[in-house]
């Protein structure tokens, strides 16, 4: 399991970047949908 830690950190870092973009896109979509 020791070797997975580095991969998990990398994956989390990549997911966080994508996650932020997804949240921004979702917020814009939701805001437009309710206006």
PDB file of N, CA and C in Angstrom:
ATOM      1  N   UNK A   1       0.835  -1.213   0.000  1.00  0.00           N
ATOM      2  CA  UNK A   1       0.000   0.000   0.000  1.00  0.00           C
ATOM      3  C   UNK A   1       0.868   1.261   0.000  1.00  0.00           C
ATOM      4  N   UNK A   2       2.148   1.132   0.380  1.00  0.00           N
ATOM      5  CA  UNK A   2       3.020   2.304   0.458  1.00  0.00           C
ATOM      6  C   UNK A   2       3.166   2.991  -0.889  1.00  0.00           C
ATOM      7  N   UNK A   3       3.228   2.205  -1.970  1.00  0.00           N
ATOM      8  CA  UNK A   3       3.413   2.793  -3.289  1.00  0.00           C
ATOM      9  C   UNK A   3       2.187   3.550  -3.775  1.00  0.00           C
ATOM     10  N   UNK A   4       1.030   3.246  -3.207  1.00  0.00           N
ATOM     11  CA  UNK A   4      -0.201   3.897  -3.662  1.00  0.00           C
ATOM     12  C   UNK A   4      -0.310   5.330  -3.154  1.00  0.00           C
ATOM     13  N   UNK A   5       0.353   5.632  -2.041  1.00  0.00           N
ATOM     14  CA  UNK A   5       0.223   6.963  -1.451  1.00  0.00           C
ATOM     15  C   UNK A   5       0.583   8.060  -2.456  1.00  0.00           C
ATOM     16  N   UNK A   6       1.716   7.892  -3.147  1.00  0.00           N
ATOM     17  CA  UNK A   6       2.128   8.915  -4.110  1.00  0.00           C
ATOM     18  C   UNK A   6       1.086   9.043  -5.215  1.00  0.00           C
ATOM     19  N   UNK A   7       0.597   7.916  -5.702  1.00  0.00           N
ATOM     20  CA  UNK A   7      -0.408   7.970  -6.769  1.00  0.00           C
ATOM     21  C   UNK A   7      -1.669   8.665  -6.277  1.00  0.00           C
ATOM     22  N   UNK A   8      -2.081   8.336  -5.066  1.00  0.00           N
ATOM     23  CA  UNK A   8      -3.300   8.946  -4.515  1.00  0.00           C
ATOM     24  C   UNK A   8      -3.125  10.456  -4.406  1.00  0.00           C
ATOM     25  N   UNK A   9      -1.949  10.890  -3.936  1.00  0.00           N
ATOM     26  CA  UNK A   9      -1.714  12.336  -3.830  1.00  0.00           C
ATOM     27  C   UNK A   9      -1.816  12.994  -5.201  1.00  0.00           C
ATOM     28  N   UNK A  10      -1.235  12.361  -6.208  1.00  0.00           N
ATOM     29  CA  UNK A  10      -1.294  12.926  -7.565  1.00  0.00           C
ATOM     30  C   UNK A  10      -2.727  12.975  -8.061  1.00  0.00           C
ATOM     31  N   UNK A  11      -3.442  11.865  -7.863  1.00  0.00           N
ATOM     32  CA  UNK A  11      -4.839  11.792  -8.319  1.00  0.00           C
ATOM     33  C   UNK A  11      -5.676  12.856  -7.624  1.00  0.00           C
ATOM     34  N   UNK A  12      -5.475  12.997  -6.314  1.00  0.00           N
ATOM     35  CA  UNK A  12      -6.248  13.992  -5.560  1.00  0.00           C
ATOM     36  C   UNK A  12      -5.952  15.386  -6.097  1.00  0.00           C
ATOM     37  N   UNK A  13      -4.664  15.635  -6.394  1.00  0.00           N
ATOM     38  CA  UNK A  13      -4.297  16.959  -6.904  1.00  0.00           C
ATOM     39  C   UNK A  13      -4.994  17.214  -8.234  1.00  0.00           C
ATOM     40  N   UNK A  14      -4.989  16.216  -9.116  1.00  0.00           N
ATOM     41  CA  UNK A  14      -5.633  16.371 -10.424  1.00  0.00           C
ATOM     42  C   UNK A  14      -7.141  16.520 -10.266  1.00  0.00           C
ATOM     43  N   UNK A  15      -7.722  15.721  -9.380  1.00  0.00           N
ATOM     44  CA  UNK A  15      -9.167  15.784  -9.178  1.00  0.00           C
ATOM     45  C   UNK A  15      -9.568  17.142  -8.628  1.00  0.00           C
ATOM     46  N   UNK A  16      -8.760  17.683  -7.717  1.00  0.00           N
ATOM     47  CA  UNK A  16      -9.092  18.985  -7.137  1.00  0.00           C
ATOM     48  C   UNK A  16      -9.147  20.053  -8.217  1.00  0.00           C
ATOM     49  N   UNK A  17      -8.191  20.018  -9.163  1.00  0.00           N
ATOM     50  CA  UNK A  17      -8.205  21.007 -10.241  1.00  0.00           C
ATOM     51  C   UNK A  17      -9.466  20.852 -11.080  1.00  0.00           C
ATOM     52  N   UNK A  18      -9.789  19.613 -11.451  1.00  0.00           N
ATOM     53  CA  UNK A  18     -10.999  19.373 -12.246  1.00  0.00           C
ATOM     54  C   UNK A  18     -12.237  19.713 -11.428  1.00  0.00           C
ATOM     55  N   UNK A  19     -12.182  19.390 -10.121  1.00  0.00           N
ATOM     56  CA  UNK A  19     -13.330  19.605  -9.241  1.00  0.00           C
ATOM     57  C   UNK A  19     -13.693  21.086  -9.186  1.00  0.00           C
ATOM     58  N   UNK A  20     -12.659  21.937  -9.086  1.00  0.00           N
ATOM     59  CA  UNK A  20     -12.913  23.378  -9.021  1.00  0.00           C
ATOM     60  C   UNK A  20     -13.594  23.845 -10.298  1.00  0.00           C
ATOM     61  N   UNK A  21     -13.109  23.369 -11.437  1.00  0.00           N
ATOM     62  CA  UNK A  21     -13.718  23.773 -12.716  1.00  0.00           C
ATOM     63  C   UNK A  21     -15.155  23.267 -12.791  1.00  0.00           C
ATOM     64  N   UNK A  22     -15.368  22.038 -12.319  1.00  0.00           N
ATOM     65  CA  UNK A  22     -16.726  21.471 -12.376  1.00  0.00           C
ATOM     66  C   UNK A  22     -17.669  22.284 -11.499  1.00  0.00           C
ATOM     67  N   UNK A  23     -17.193  22.655 -10.306  1.00  0.00           N
ATOM     68  CA  UNK A  23     -18.039  23.424  -9.388  1.00  0.00           C
ATOM     69  C   UNK A  23     -18.379  24.775 -10.011  1.00  0.00           C
ATOM     70  N   UNK A  24     -17.375  25.433 -10.597  1.00  0.00           N
ATOM     71  CA  UNK A  24     -17.634  26.727 -11.229  1.00  0.00           C
ATOM     72  C   UNK A  24     -18.666  26.574 -12.335  1.00  0.00           C
ATOM     73  N   UNK A  25     -18.503  25.553 -13.178  1.00  0.00           N
ATOM     74  CA  UNK A  25     -19.441  25.331 -14.279  1.00  0.00           C
ATOM     75  C   UNK A  25     -20.834  25.023 -13.736  1.00  0.00           C
ATOM     76  N   UNK A  26     -20.883  24.226 -12.667  1.00  0.00           N
ATOM     77  CA  UNK A  26     -22.174  23.860 -12.085  1.00  0.00           C
ATOM     78  C   UNK A  26     -22.868  25.075 -11.488  1.00  0.00           C
ATOM     79  N   UNK A  27     -22.101  25.911 -10.793  1.00  0.00           N
ATOM     80  CA  UNK A  27     -22.690  27.108 -10.184  1.00  0.00           C
ATOM     81  C   UNK A  27     -23.256  28.022 -11.260  1.00  0.00           C
ATOM     82  N   UNK A  28     -22.505  28.192 -12.341  1.00  0.00           N
ATOM     83  CA  UNK A  28     -22.975  29.043 -13.437  1.00  0.00           C
ATOM     84  C   UNK A  28     -24.239  28.443 -14.040  1.00  0.00           C
ATOM     85  N   UNK A  29     -24.236  27.121 -14.238  1.00  0.00           N
ATOM     86  CA  UNK A  29     -25.401  26.451 -14.825  1.00  0.00           C
ATOM     87  C   UNK A  29     -26.627  26.614 -13.929  1.00  0.00           C
ATOM     88  N   UNK A  30     -26.425  26.369 -12.622  1.00  0.00           N
ATOM     89  CA  UNK A  30     -27.545  26.473 -11.672  1.00  0.00           C
ATOM     90  C   UNK A  30     -28.060  27.906 -11.620  1.00  0.00           C
ATOM     91  N   UNK A  31     -27.136  28.865 -11.593  1.00  0.00           N
ATOM     92  CA  UNK A  31     -27.542  30.271 -11.519  1.00  0.00           C
ATOM     93  C   UNK A  31     -28.361  30.640 -12.750  1.00  0.00           C
ATOM     94  N   UNK A  32     -27.910  30.212 -13.923  1.00  0.00           N
ATOM     95  CA  UNK A  32     -28.641  30.523 -15.153  1.00  0.00           C
ATOM     96  C   UNK A  32     -29.993  29.821 -15.175  1.00  0.00           C
ATOM     97  N   UNK A  33     -30.038  28.618 -14.614  1.00  0.00           N
ATOM     98  CA  UNK A  33     -31.280  27.843 -14.642  1.00  0.00           C
ATOM     99  C   UNK A  33     -32.347  28.499 -13.768  1.00  0.00           C
ATOM    100  N   UNK A  34     -31.916  29.119 -12.662  1.00  0.00           N
ATOM    101  CA  UNK A  34     -32.904  29.676 -11.731  1.00  0.00           C
ATOM    102  C   UNK A  34     -33.265  31.118 -12.056  1.00  0.00           C
ATOM    103  N   UNK A  35     -32.502  31.752 -12.944  1.00  0.00           N
ATOM    104  CA  UNK A  35     -32.815  33.145 -13.276  1.00  0.00           C
ATOM    105  C   UNK A  35     -33.834  33.195 -14.415  1.00  0.00           C
TER     106      UNK A  35
END
